[in-house]
């Protein structure tokens, strides 16, 4: 399968470098480029990308706002945000808006290519450890307590089996690993994940993992 990729960055040199890195991959086709988030909706309609590689800081409409608007639309492509920061409140906001992960601008070409492939395949580009660091970086204790109660209440809406799958997603397990751990088939795991997303109104596995982390459930299990 050829992955259709849209590049969004206000720096023409960065776009040129990304084009050089990604254009050499046999399974990736760069279908368009944009210099600002304001141009994203029209380009997405025109080019129908599978993945959007989105810079955060742009002059008119930043990548955060563009991601929020894009992911709110039915059938939206996956979004990977580009950043120069390892831990940044803006990155966390992008993830909560529905981005499938983030890559640093100084990431090696091979890793960026692999990140695009992973996101196109439905896997987040963000480890649970990085998620924990991001949350710890931006949250004071009061806000964390409020978020924990809210997240726990939302997860309480799930059935017992769905909750087990959600916890496994929060631990960063693949569908195959979840199936082996919980003694179910991979298609059954996928069904549970789809039901969790629909029931909680989430976009992707990253948001499930964030919710589990927010609820403090991994720490209770000794995984935190």
Protein backbone atom coordinates (compact mmCIF):
# COMPACT_ATOMS: atom_id res chain seq x y z
CA UNK A 1 0.00 0.00 0.00
CA UNK A 2 1.26 3.47 -0.86
CA UNK A 3 0.96 5.96 2.01
CA UNK A 4 -0.27 9.37 0.87
CA UNK A 5 1.51 12.06 2.90
CA UNK A 6 0.84 15.79 3.29
CA UNK A 7 3.68 17.99 4.64
CA UNK A 8 2.81 21.13 6.63
CA UNK A 9 5.65 23.42 7.77
CA UNK A 10 6.27 27.13 7.32
CA UNK A 11 10.01 26.64 6.74
CA UNK A 12 10.69 25.80 3.07
CA UNK A 13 14.08 24.28 3.99
CA UNK A 14 12.42 21.90 6.45
CA UNK A 15 9.85 20.91 3.81
CA UNK A 16 12.62 20.35 1.29
CA UNK A 17 14.53 18.18 3.76
CA UNK A 18 11.43 16.15 4.60
CA UNK A 19 10.66 15.73 0.92
CA UNK A 20 14.17 14.44 0.32
CA UNK A 21 13.99 12.04 3.28
CA UNK A 22 10.48 10.72 2.73
CA UNK A 23 10.32 10.88 -1.04
CA UNK A 24 12.92 8.14 -1.32
CA UNK A 25 10.70 5.59 0.39
CA UNK A 26 9.00 3.29 -2.11
CA UNK A 27 5.77 3.12 -0.10
CA UNK A 28 5.34 6.86 0.61
CA UNK A 29 3.97 9.41 -1.84
CA UNK A 30 4.10 13.11 -0.92
CA UNK A 31 0.81 14.41 -2.31
CA UNK A 32 1.08 18.01 -1.20
CA UNK A 33 2.80 20.70 0.87
CA UNK A 34 1.48 23.60 2.92
CA UNK A 35 3.23 26.49 4.66
CA UNK A 36 0.45 27.22 7.15
CA UNK A 37 -2.33 25.44 9.01
CA UNK A 38 -4.87 27.64 7.27
CA UNK A 39 -4.18 25.80 4.02
CA UNK A 40 -4.67 22.32 5.47
CA UNK A 41 -8.46 21.82 5.05
CA UNK A 42 -8.46 22.62 1.34
CA UNK A 43 -5.34 20.52 0.68
CA UNK A 44 -6.77 17.57 2.58
CA UNK A 45 -9.93 17.71 0.47
CA UNK A 46 -7.85 18.00 -2.70
CA UNK A 47 -5.17 15.38 -2.02
CA UNK A 48 -6.88 12.89 0.38
CA UNK A 49 -3.74 12.07 2.41
CA UNK A 50 -3.48 9.12 4.79
CA UNK A 51 -1.10 10.99 7.10
CA UNK A 52 -0.38 14.69 7.74
CA UNK A 53 3.05 15.61 9.10
CA UNK A 54 2.25 18.88 10.91
CA UNK A 55 4.57 21.53 12.32
CA UNK A 56 3.36 23.17 15.54
CA UNK A 57 4.53 26.76 15.15
CA UNK A 58 3.19 28.53 12.06
CA UNK A 59 2.31 32.21 11.57
CA UNK A 60 -1.45 32.29 10.86
CA UNK A 61 -3.05 29.03 11.96
CA UNK A 62 -0.71 26.97 14.12
CA UNK A 63 -0.45 23.22 13.94
CA UNK A 64 -2.40 22.70 17.16
CA UNK A 65 -5.47 24.55 15.92
CA UNK A 66 -5.15 22.91 12.51
CA UNK A 67 -4.96 19.47 14.14
CA UNK A 68 -8.02 20.11 16.32
CA UNK A 69 -10.05 21.28 13.33
CA UNK A 70 -8.88 18.45 11.09
CA UNK A 71 -9.40 15.60 13.56
CA UNK A 72 -12.91 16.84 14.36
CA UNK A 73 -13.94 15.99 10.80
CA UNK A 74 -15.26 12.52 9.85
CA UNK A 75 -12.73 10.38 8.02
CA UNK A 76 -9.84 12.67 8.91
CA UNK A 77 -6.29 11.54 8.10
CA UNK A 78 -3.89 10.71 10.91
CA UNK A 79 -1.71 13.57 12.17
CA UNK A 80 1.87 13.43 13.40
CA UNK A 81 3.11 16.69 14.91
CA UNK A 82 6.64 17.97 14.35
CA UNK A 83 8.39 19.63 17.27
CA UNK A 84 11.81 20.68 18.52
CA UNK A 85 10.87 19.90 22.15
CA UNK A 86 10.92 16.56 23.98
CA UNK A 87 8.36 17.69 26.56
CA UNK A 88 6.06 20.54 25.63
CA UNK A 89 2.55 21.48 26.74
CA UNK A 90 1.71 22.16 23.11
CA UNK A 91 2.62 18.59 22.17
CA UNK A 92 0.25 17.25 24.83
CA UNK A 93 -2.52 19.49 23.53
CA UNK A 94 -1.95 18.11 20.03
CA UNK A 95 -2.21 14.55 21.32
CA UNK A 96 -5.42 15.33 23.15
CA UNK A 97 -6.76 16.86 19.93
CA UNK A 98 -6.30 13.52 18.18
CA UNK A 99 -2.75 13.54 16.82
CA UNK A 100 -1.35 10.02 16.58
CA UNK A 101 1.99 11.08 18.04
CA UNK A 102 4.95 13.34 17.49
CA UNK A 103 8.45 13.27 16.06
CA UNK A 104 11.33 15.61 16.78
CA UNK A 105 12.75 17.61 13.91
CA UNK A 106 16.21 16.22 14.61
CA UNK A 107 14.97 12.63 14.42
CA UNK A 108 16.94 10.46 12.00
CA UNK A 109 15.50 10.07 8.48
CA UNK A 110 14.94 6.34 8.96
CA UNK A 111 12.96 6.93 12.17
CA UNK A 112 10.77 9.59 10.55
CA UNK A 113 9.98 7.24 7.67
CA UNK A 114 9.16 4.46 10.12
CA UNK A 115 6.97 6.83 12.16
CA UNK A 116 4.89 7.65 9.10
CA UNK A 117 4.51 3.95 8.33
CA UNK A 118 3.48 3.11 11.89
CA UNK A 119 0.86 5.84 12.03
CA UNK A 120 -0.54 4.83 8.64
CA UNK A 121 -0.84 1.27 10.02
CA UNK A 122 -2.79 2.52 13.03
CA UNK A 123 -0.01 2.45 15.63
CA UNK A 124 0.78 5.55 17.73
CA UNK A 125 4.24 7.12 17.57
CA UNK A 126 4.51 7.73 21.29
CA UNK A 127 5.68 5.45 24.07
CA UNK A 128 3.85 5.24 27.40
CA UNK A 129 7.00 6.52 29.11
CA UNK A 130 6.99 9.66 26.97
CA UNK A 131 3.29 10.13 27.70
CA UNK A 132 3.98 10.00 31.44
CA UNK A 133 6.77 12.57 31.14
CA UNK A 134 4.55 14.91 29.14
CA UNK A 135 1.75 14.73 31.70
CA UNK A 136 4.16 15.27 34.59
CA UNK A 137 5.73 18.23 32.79
CA UNK A 138 2.53 20.24 32.39
CA UNK A 139 0.28 19.32 35.32
CA UNK A 140 0.19 20.83 38.79
CA UNK A 141 -1.30 18.65 41.52
CA UNK A 142 -4.77 20.21 41.61
CA UNK A 143 -5.27 19.97 37.87
CA UNK A 144 -3.96 16.40 37.96
CA UNK A 145 -6.45 15.39 40.64
CA UNK A 146 -9.34 16.84 38.66
CA UNK A 147 -8.19 15.13 35.49
CA UNK A 148 -7.71 11.82 37.33
CA UNK A 149 -11.26 11.84 38.67
CA UNK A 150 -12.69 12.72 35.28
CA UNK A 151 -10.66 10.05 33.50
CA UNK A 152 -11.57 7.38 36.06
CA UNK A 153 -15.24 8.24 35.66
CA UNK A 154 -15.04 7.84 31.90
CA UNK A 155 -13.25 4.50 32.12
CA UNK A 156 -15.91 3.31 34.55
CA UNK A 157 -18.34 3.39 31.60
CA UNK A 158 -16.50 0.43 30.08
CA UNK A 159 -17.29 -3.22 30.64
CA UNK A 160 -14.78 -5.36 32.53
CA UNK A 161 -13.18 -6.84 29.40
CA UNK A 162 -13.05 -3.46 27.65
CA UNK A 163 -11.38 -1.98 30.71
CA UNK A 164 -8.74 -4.72 30.67
CA UNK A 165 -8.02 -3.99 27.00
CA UNK A 166 -7.86 -0.25 27.73
CA UNK A 167 -5.30 -0.85 30.49
CA UNK A 168 -3.23 -2.99 28.13
CA UNK A 169 -3.33 -0.23 25.49
CA UNK A 170 -2.17 2.19 28.19
CA UNK A 171 0.79 -0.08 28.88
CA UNK A 172 1.77 0.21 25.22
CA UNK A 173 0.99 -3.37 24.23
CA UNK A 174 0.29 -4.26 20.60
CA UNK A 175 -2.92 -6.04 19.62
CA UNK A 176 -1.01 -9.32 19.42
CA UNK A 177 0.48 -8.85 22.88
CA UNK A 178 -2.92 -7.94 24.33
CA UNK A 179 -4.43 -11.05 22.76
CA UNK A 180 -1.73 -13.24 24.30
CA UNK A 181 -1.97 -11.58 27.71
CA UNK A 182 -5.77 -11.63 27.94
CA UNK A 183 -6.23 -14.97 26.16
CA UNK A 184 -8.35 -13.73 23.26
CA UNK A 185 -7.96 -13.54 19.51
CA UNK A 186 -6.45 -10.51 17.75
CA UNK A 187 -9.77 -9.78 15.93
CA UNK A 188 -11.52 -9.78 19.32
CA UNK A 189 -8.95 -7.30 20.66
CA UNK A 190 -9.52 -5.06 17.63
CA UNK A 191 -13.28 -5.23 18.24
CA UNK A 192 -12.82 -4.22 21.88
CA UNK A 193 -10.54 -1.32 20.90
CA UNK A 194 -13.11 -0.09 18.36
CA UNK A 195 -15.86 -0.29 20.98
CA UNK A 196 -13.75 1.61 23.51
CA UNK A 197 -13.09 4.38 20.97
CA UNK A 198 -16.77 4.62 20.06
CA UNK A 199 -18.08 4.47 23.64
CA UNK A 200 -15.67 7.11 24.95
CA UNK A 201 -15.71 9.30 21.83
CA UNK A 202 -11.96 8.98 21.26
CA UNK A 203 -9.97 9.16 18.02
CA UNK A 204 -7.19 6.63 18.47
CA UNK A 205 -5.10 4.43 20.79
CA UNK A 206 -2.99 7.36 21.97
CA UNK A 207 -6.08 8.95 23.51
CA UNK A 208 -6.97 5.66 25.24
CA UNK A 209 -3.45 5.53 26.69
CA UNK A 210 -3.67 9.15 27.85
CA UNK A 211 -7.00 8.46 29.56
CA UNK A 212 -5.57 5.43 31.36
CA UNK A 213 -2.56 7.45 32.48
CA UNK A 214 -4.77 10.34 33.59
CA UNK A 215 -6.83 7.94 35.71
CA UNK A 216 -3.68 6.74 37.48
CA UNK A 217 -4.50 3.12 36.79
CA UNK A 218 -1.05 2.06 35.67
CA UNK A 219 0.51 3.21 38.91
CA UNK A 220 -2.06 1.15 40.80
CA UNK A 221 -0.96 -1.94 38.86
CA UNK A 222 2.70 -1.21 39.48
CA UNK A 223 3.33 -0.35 35.83
CA UNK A 224 3.80 3.37 36.30
